[in-house]
Amino acid sequence: MRALTPAEVLFDGEAPPAILPACDHYAGSEKLMLKSLALQQQLGPVFDITLDCEDGAQVGREAEHAELVASFLGGEHDRFGRVGVRIHDFHHPHWRDDVRLILRAARRAPAFIMLPKIRAVADAAEMTAFVEATRVEMGIDKPIPVQLLVETHGALARAFDLAALRGVESLSFGLMDFVSAHDGAIPDTAMRSPGQFDHPLVRRAKLEISAACHAFGRVPSHNVSTEVRDMAIVENDARRARDEFGYTRMWSIHPAQVPVIVAAFAPREAEIVTAAEILLAAQHAQWGPTRHGDTLHDRASYRYYWSVLRRARSTGRAVPPETAPLFGANDARERA
């Protein structure tokens, strides 16, 4: 009898929750885009790059900037297909043109499209539908996932509805815009550490977004760390986001932050070894209950340890070679 994989037996016939690279690095200018793409070629697809049309484009030159962004998609610098784009927000007159220009000119569709400053579910739904319709019109084979930036009161109030939208793969928290939207009621210390983890309203927002994502199998993406010199602060921010708030991904705004964030979100070596041992024993037992040391395990804990191995591979960590049967023949799909 063929050994069944975790993906086949642990999720009631549904696909396992999505796992994206642990870091999403933003670049707005041509110089920074090239630098980021070079870093990705060096480190591998352990982080995504978002080419930014919203804050990157000069006023009046939005079309030119969108064409620049499109020129990098599928080109010689886009080796892994893990480059996305952020377009203008729903109330900006150029957001539809961003989508059309980029999808028409790109040699490969973006890995995702980030939709910023979401204020209402209807806005996000309209933008998502437009991306899908344009994708079909352009003859692009596969749907393009969208990611939503939650940084307004309206978006936070409907976080669960946003996470439930078809085509959405991730919600991101926009910390600084969210704090500013309170008109001084939240101090500026909450825009950075440690205040961003301590202020009750900010903590609530982070937790709502994370909970909404996990409820619908989306990826919660934590806000940036504004620290660009002391990487120990960045590392601590990433660890707190992961351990205390349930985030599995985090933004980066400086190249030095990228390897620090990836390492902070990666499972530790001991976790990987334990996960491999438990899952191999479970597979041998045809996914019935097993015992590891003095602890009993069943499919609930197997799902947890499967996520450990998947996250290990997505962050570039080595997994024991004997775990290959867990991933099955369709290895590329299991890496997604």
Protein backbone atom coordinates (compact mmCIF):
# COMPACT_ATOMS: atom_id res chain seq x y z
CA MET A 1 0.00 0.00 0.00
CA ARG A 2 1.33 3.43 -0.95
CA ALA A 3 2.30 5.64 1.98
CA LEU A 4 -0.12 8.56 2.17
CA THR A 5 1.28 12.04 2.65
CA PRO A 6 0.18 14.58 5.28
CA ALA A 7 -1.41 16.75 2.60
CA GLU A 8 -3.61 13.82 1.56
CA VAL A 9 -4.93 12.80 4.97
CA LEU A 10 -4.74 15.66 7.46
CA PHE A 11 -6.94 18.32 5.87
CA ASP A 12 -10.21 16.51 5.06
CA GLY A 13 -9.61 16.64 1.33
CA GLU A 14 -8.89 20.37 1.28
CA ALA A 15 -5.57 21.96 0.40
CA PRO A 16 -3.28 22.70 3.37
CA PRO A 17 -3.24 26.37 4.43
CA ALA A 18 -1.00 28.51 2.28
CA ILE A 19 2.58 29.15 3.34
CA LEU A 20 4.32 32.15 1.81
CA PRO A 21 7.95 33.19 2.18
CA ALA A 22 8.47 34.65 5.66
CA CYS A 23 9.63 38.07 4.46
CA ASP A 24 8.07 40.53 2.03
CA HIS A 25 10.62 43.14 0.99
CA TYR A 26 9.45 46.45 -0.51
CA ALA A 27 11.30 48.42 -3.19
CA GLY A 28 10.04 51.58 -4.89
CA SER A 29 12.84 52.98 -7.06
CA GLU A 30 14.64 51.33 -9.96
CA LYS A 31 17.90 51.27 -8.00
CA LEU A 32 16.33 49.58 -4.99
CA MET A 33 14.40 47.16 -7.18
CA LEU A 34 17.59 45.97 -8.84
CA LYS A 35 19.35 45.70 -5.50
CA SER A 36 16.49 43.66 -4.06
CA LEU A 37 16.33 41.34 -7.06
CA ALA A 38 20.07 40.75 -6.80
CA LEU A 39 19.69 39.86 -3.12
CA GLN A 40 16.91 37.41 -3.97
CA GLN A 41 19.13 35.71 -6.52
CA GLN A 42 21.79 35.42 -3.83
CA LEU A 43 19.59 34.13 -0.97
CA GLY A 44 17.03 32.23 -3.02
CA PRO A 45 13.20 32.40 -2.88
CA VAL A 46 13.12 32.60 0.92
CA PHE A 47 11.67 36.10 0.65
CA ASP A 48 9.30 37.89 -1.68
CA ILE A 49 9.86 41.25 -3.32
CA THR A 50 7.07 43.77 -3.77
CA LEU A 51 7.71 46.38 -6.44
CA ASP A 52 5.87 49.45 -5.27
CA CYS A 53 3.70 51.55 -7.55
CA GLU A 54 1.89 53.33 -4.71
CA ASP A 55 4.69 55.11 -2.86
CA GLY A 56 7.31 54.52 -5.55
CA ALA A 57 5.68 56.43 -8.42
CA GLN A 58 6.11 60.16 -8.82
CA VAL A 59 2.90 62.15 -9.20
CA GLY A 60 2.04 62.41 -12.88
CA ARG A 61 4.42 59.59 -13.85
CA GLU A 62 2.34 56.66 -12.64
CA ALA A 63 2.15 54.98 -16.05
CA GLU A 64 5.90 55.23 -16.55
CA HIS A 65 6.51 53.66 -13.15
CA ALA A 66 4.04 50.82 -13.79
CA GLU A 67 5.85 50.05 -17.03
CA LEU A 68 9.17 49.99 -15.16
CA VAL A 69 7.72 47.53 -12.66
CA ALA A 70 6.36 45.36 -15.47
CA SER A 71 9.78 45.25 -17.12
CA PHE A 72 11.21 43.33 -14.17
CA LEU A 73 8.49 40.67 -14.02
CA GLY A 74 9.65 37.54 -15.77
CA GLY A 75 12.90 39.18 -16.85
CA GLU A 76 16.45 38.07 -16.23
CA HIS A 77 16.34 39.37 -12.66
CA ASP A 78 13.08 37.58 -11.75
CA ARG A 79 14.57 34.13 -11.39
CA PHE A 80 12.12 32.51 -8.97
CA GLY A 81 8.75 34.04 -9.81
CA ARG A 82 8.40 35.46 -6.29
CA VAL A 83 8.01 39.12 -7.23
CA GLY A 84 4.74 40.91 -6.59
CA VAL A 85 3.51 44.46 -7.04
CA ARG A 86 1.68 47.04 -4.95
CA ILE A 87 -0.72 49.18 -6.96
CA HIS A 88 -2.45 52.44 -6.04
CA ASP A 89 -5.42 52.39 -3.68
CA PHE A 90 -9.09 52.20 -4.64
CA HIS A 91 -9.65 55.96 -4.52
CA HIS A 92 -6.64 56.78 -6.70
CA PRO A 93 -7.55 57.36 -10.37
CA HIS A 94 -4.67 55.22 -11.64
CA TRP A 95 -5.21 51.88 -9.90
CA ARG A 96 -7.00 50.24 -12.84
CA ASP A 97 -4.31 51.48 -15.22
CA ASP A 98 -1.67 49.98 -12.91
CA VAL A 99 -3.30 46.58 -13.30
CA ARG A 100 -3.76 46.85 -17.07
CA LEU A 101 -0.28 48.18 -17.79
CA ILE A 102 1.51 45.64 -15.61
CA LEU A 103 -0.42 42.57 -16.75
CA ARG A 104 -0.15 43.58 -20.40
CA ALA A 105 3.58 44.32 -20.39
CA ALA A 106 4.99 41.76 -17.95
CA ARG A 107 6.64 38.65 -19.33
CA ARG A 108 5.34 36.76 -16.31
CA ALA A 109 2.39 37.65 -14.11
CA PRO A 110 3.26 39.00 -10.67
CA ALA A 111 3.31 36.49 -7.82
CA PHE A 112 0.64 38.63 -6.14
CA ILE A 113 -0.90 42.10 -6.23
CA MET A 114 -1.02 44.11 -3.00
CA LEU A 115 -4.10 46.31 -2.59
CA PRO A 116 -3.37 49.17 -0.16
CA LYS A 117 -5.53 51.36 2.09
CA ILE A 118 -8.56 49.10 2.01
CA ARG A 119 -11.50 50.91 3.61
CA ALA A 120 -14.44 48.62 2.85
CA VAL A 121 -15.11 45.04 1.82
CA ALA A 122 -16.88 46.24 -1.32
CA ASP A 123 -13.77 48.14 -2.43
CA ALA A 124 -11.54 45.09 -1.97
CA ALA A 125 -14.06 42.88 -3.76
CA GLU A 126 -14.24 45.27 -6.74
CA MET A 127 -10.46 45.49 -7.02
CA THR A 128 -10.07 41.73 -6.73
CA ALA A 129 -12.72 41.15 -9.40
CA PHE A 130 -11.01 43.65 -11.71
CA VAL A 131 -7.67 41.88 -11.31
CA GLU A 132 -9.31 38.56 -12.17
CA ALA A 133 -11.21 39.97 -15.17
CA THR A 134 -8.06 41.63 -16.52
CA ARG A 135 -6.09 38.43 -16.01
CA VAL A 136 -8.65 36.53 -18.11
CA GLU A 137 -8.73 39.29 -20.73
CA MET A 138 -4.93 39.18 -21.05
CA GLY A 139 -4.94 35.40 -21.45
CA ILE A 140 -2.96 34.73 -18.27
CA ASP A 141 -3.51 31.09 -17.32
CA LYS A 142 -3.54 31.14 -13.53
CA PRO A 143 -5.38 33.44 -11.12
CA ILE A 144 -3.23 36.11 -9.50
CA PRO A 145 -3.57 36.16 -5.70
CA VAL A 146 -4.27 39.49 -4.03
CA GLN A 147 -3.04 40.68 -0.67
CA LEU A 148 -4.84 43.33 1.35
CA LEU A 149 -3.26 46.05 3.47
CA VAL A 150 -5.29 46.69 6.63
CA GLU A 151 -4.49 50.17 7.93
CA THR A 152 -7.89 51.87 8.35
CA HIS A 153 -10.71 51.61 10.88
CA GLY A 154 -13.07 50.28 8.23
CA ALA A 155 -10.75 47.49 7.17
CA LEU A 156 -9.99 46.40 10.71
CA ALA A 157 -13.70 46.28 11.57
CA ARG A 158 -14.26 43.87 8.66
CA ALA A 159 -11.01 41.88 8.86
CA PHE A 160 -12.81 38.53 8.92
CA ASP A 161 -14.93 39.47 5.90
CA LEU A 162 -11.84 40.61 4.04
CA ALA A 163 -10.02 37.37 4.82
CA ALA A 164 -13.01 35.42 3.51
CA LEU A 165 -12.92 37.05 0.06
CA ARG A 166 -12.16 34.73 -2.82
CA GLY A 167 -8.70 35.32 -4.26
CA VAL A 168 -7.20 36.83 -1.12
CA GLU A 169 -4.10 35.04 0.18
CA SER A 170 -2.83 37.43 2.86
CA LEU A 171 -3.70 40.37 5.09
CA SER A 172 -0.96 42.81 6.09
CA PHE A 173 -1.02 45.29 8.95
CA GLY A 174 -0.16 48.92 8.17
CA LEU A 175 0.98 50.08 11.59
CA MET A 176 1.91 53.70 10.99
CA ASP A 177 -1.18 54.63 9.00
CA PHE A 178 -3.31 52.85 11.58
CA VAL A 179 -1.77 54.82 14.46
CA SER A 180 -2.07 58.09 12.53
CA ALA A 181 -5.76 57.39 11.87
CA HIS A 182 -6.39 57.84 15.60
CA ASP A 183 -5.58 61.57 15.42
CA GLY A 184 -3.16 61.58 18.32
CA ALA A 185 -5.17 59.28 20.60
CA ILE A 186 -2.38 56.70 20.21
CA PRO A 187 1.12 58.11 20.92
CA ASP A 188 3.82 57.98 18.28
CA THR A 189 5.75 55.52 20.47
CA ALA A 190 3.29 52.89 19.25
CA MET A 191 4.77 53.20 15.76
CA ARG A 192 7.95 51.44 16.89
CA SER A 193 9.16 48.94 19.43
CA PRO A 194 8.46 48.20 22.17
CA GLY A 195 5.34 50.41 22.08
CA GLN A 196 3.89 48.73 19.00
CA PHE A 197 3.48 45.51 20.97
CA ASP A 198 2.27 47.12 24.19
CA HIS A 199 -0.44 49.64 23.30
CA PRO A 200 -3.85 47.97 23.75
CA LEU A 201 -5.43 49.33 20.55
CA VAL A 202 -2.46 48.30 18.44
CA ARG A 203 -2.29 44.88 20.08
CA ARG A 204 -5.99 44.43 19.36
CA ALA A 205 -5.51 45.30 15.71
CA LYS A 206 -2.60 42.89 15.29
CA LEU A 207 -4.56 40.08 16.94
CA GLU A 208 -7.74 40.70 14.92
CA ILE A 209 -5.83 40.51 11.64
CA SER A 210 -3.93 37.40 12.65
CA ALA A 211 -7.07 35.65 13.89
CA ALA A 212 -8.99 36.51 10.72
CA CYS A 213 -6.23 35.09 8.55
CA HIS A 214 -5.97 31.83 10.44
CA ALA A 215 -9.74 31.41 10.38
CA PHE A 216 -9.72 31.33 6.56
CA GLY A 217 -6.31 29.83 5.78
CA ARG A 218 -4.74 33.17 4.81
CA VAL A 219 -1.27 34.40 5.70
CA PRO A 220 -0.98 37.17 8.32
CA SER A 221 1.84 39.57 7.42
CA HIS A 222 3.27 41.79 10.14
CA ASN A 223 4.14 45.45 9.69
CA VAL A 224 7.65 46.76 9.11
CA SER A 225 10.26 47.43 11.73
CA THR A 226 11.47 51.01 11.22
CA GLU A 227 14.87 50.15 12.73
CA VAL A 228 17.54 49.91 10.01
CA ARG A 229 20.74 49.90 12.06
CA ASP A 230 20.26 47.62 15.07
CA MET A 231 19.24 44.26 13.65
CA ALA A 232 18.73 42.88 17.16
CA ILE A 233 15.63 45.08 17.38
CA VAL A 234 14.39 43.78 14.03
CA GLU A 235 14.97 40.21 15.16
CA ASN A 236 13.07 40.80 18.38
CA ASP A 237 10.19 42.41 16.48
CA ALA A 238 9.96 39.39 14.19
CA ARG A 239 10.11 36.90 17.06
CA ARG A 240 7.40 38.72 19.01
CA ALA A 241 5.20 38.92 15.91
CA ARG A 242 5.62 35.17 15.44
CA ASP A 243 5.45 33.94 19.02
CA GLU A 244 2.95 36.33 20.61
CA PHE A 245 0.69 37.37 17.74
CA GLY A 246 0.64 34.40 15.37
CA TYR A 247 2.17 36.11 12.32
CA THR A 248 3.98 33.97 9.79
CA ARG A 249 5.30 36.72 7.52
CA MET A 250 6.71 40.23 7.95
CA TRP A 251 7.51 43.23 5.80
CA SER A 252 11.02 44.52 5.21
CA ILE A 253 12.09 48.00 4.10
CA HIS A 254 15.88 47.54 4.19
CA PRO A 255 17.96 44.73 2.66
CA ALA A 256 19.76 44.11 5.95
CA GLN A 257 16.42 43.21 7.54
CA VAL A 258 15.67 40.38 5.11
CA PRO A 259 17.94 37.57 6.42
CA VAL A 260 17.17 38.57 10.00
CA ILE A 261 13.41 38.28 9.47
CA VAL A 262 13.71 34.99 7.57
CA ALA A 263 15.85 33.49 10.33
CA ALA A 264 13.50 34.68 13.07
CA PHE A 265 10.48 33.06 11.42
CA ALA A 266 12.26 29.80 10.62
CA PRO A 267 11.68 26.76 12.84
CA ARG A 268 14.59 25.89 15.10
CA GLU A 269 16.69 22.80 14.36
CA ALA A 270 15.27 20.85 17.33
CA GLU A 271 11.71 21.60 16.17
CA ILE A 272 12.50 20.29 12.69
CA VAL A 273 13.99 17.06 14.03
CA THR A 274 11.04 16.45 16.35
CA ALA A 275 8.52 17.16 13.60
CA ALA A 276 10.28 14.73 11.25
CA GLU A 277 10.35 11.95 13.84
CA ILE A 278 6.68 12.35 14.76
CA LEU A 279 5.42 12.53 11.19
CA LEU A 280 7.47 9.60 9.93
CA ALA A 281 6.13 7.48 12.78
CA ALA A 282 2.62 8.66 11.97
CA GLN A 283 2.98 7.79 8.30
CA HIS A 284 4.26 4.35 9.25
CA ALA A 285 1.16 3.94 11.47
CA GLN A 286 -1.12 4.95 8.57
CA TRP A 287 -1.85 8.21 10.43
CA GLY A 288 -3.35 6.56 13.48
CA PRO A 289 -2.36 7.70 17.00
CA THR A 290 1.31 7.32 17.94
CA ARG A 291 3.59 7.97 20.89
CA HIS A 292 6.73 10.08 20.84
CA GLY A 293 8.65 9.87 24.09
CA ASP A 294 6.01 10.20 26.77
CA THR A 295 3.53 12.14 24.63
CA LEU A 296 0.63 10.81 22.57
CA HIS A 297 -0.06 12.30 19.15
CA ASP A 298 -2.90 12.17 16.64
CA ARG A 299 -3.98 14.08 13.55
CA ALA A 300 -4.39 17.36 15.41
CA SER A 301 -0.72 17.46 16.42
CA TYR A 302 0.34 15.97 13.08
CA ARG A 303 -1.08 19.03 11.34
CA TYR A 304 1.05 21.26 13.58
CA TYR A 305 4.25 19.34 12.91
CA TRP A 306 3.52 19.28 9.18
CA SER A 307 3.41 23.07 9.25
CA VAL A 308 6.84 23.03 10.95
CA LEU A 309 8.40 21.06 8.10
CA ARG A 310 6.70 23.16 5.43
CA ARG A 311 7.89 26.37 7.08
CA ALA A 312 11.38 24.96 7.41
CA ARG A 313 11.61 24.41 3.68
CA SER A 314 10.04 27.77 2.84
CA THR A 315 12.74 29.52 4.91
CA GLY A 316 15.59 27.55 3.35
CA ARG A 317 16.18 25.27 6.35
CA ALA A 318 17.34 21.73 5.66
CA VAL A 319 14.95 18.95 6.61
CA PRO A 320 16.08 15.34 7.20
CA PRO A 321 16.36 13.54 3.84
CA GLU A 322 14.27 10.66 5.15
CA THR A 323 11.25 13.00 5.19
CA ALA A 324 11.04 12.92 1.38
CA PRO A 325 8.11 10.41 1.43
CA LEU A 326 6.11 12.92 3.47
CA PHE A 327 6.18 15.39 0.62
CA GLY A 328 5.25 12.86 -2.04
CA ALA A 329 5.87 12.86 -5.76
CA ASN A 330 4.39 16.32 -6.32
CA ASP A 331 7.16 17.99 -4.35
CA ALA A 332 6.81 21.40 -6.01
CA ARG A 333 3.20 21.69 -4.87
CA GLU A 334 4.15 20.83 -1.30
CA ARG A 335 6.70 23.66 -1.30
CA ALA A 336 3.96 26.17 -2.10
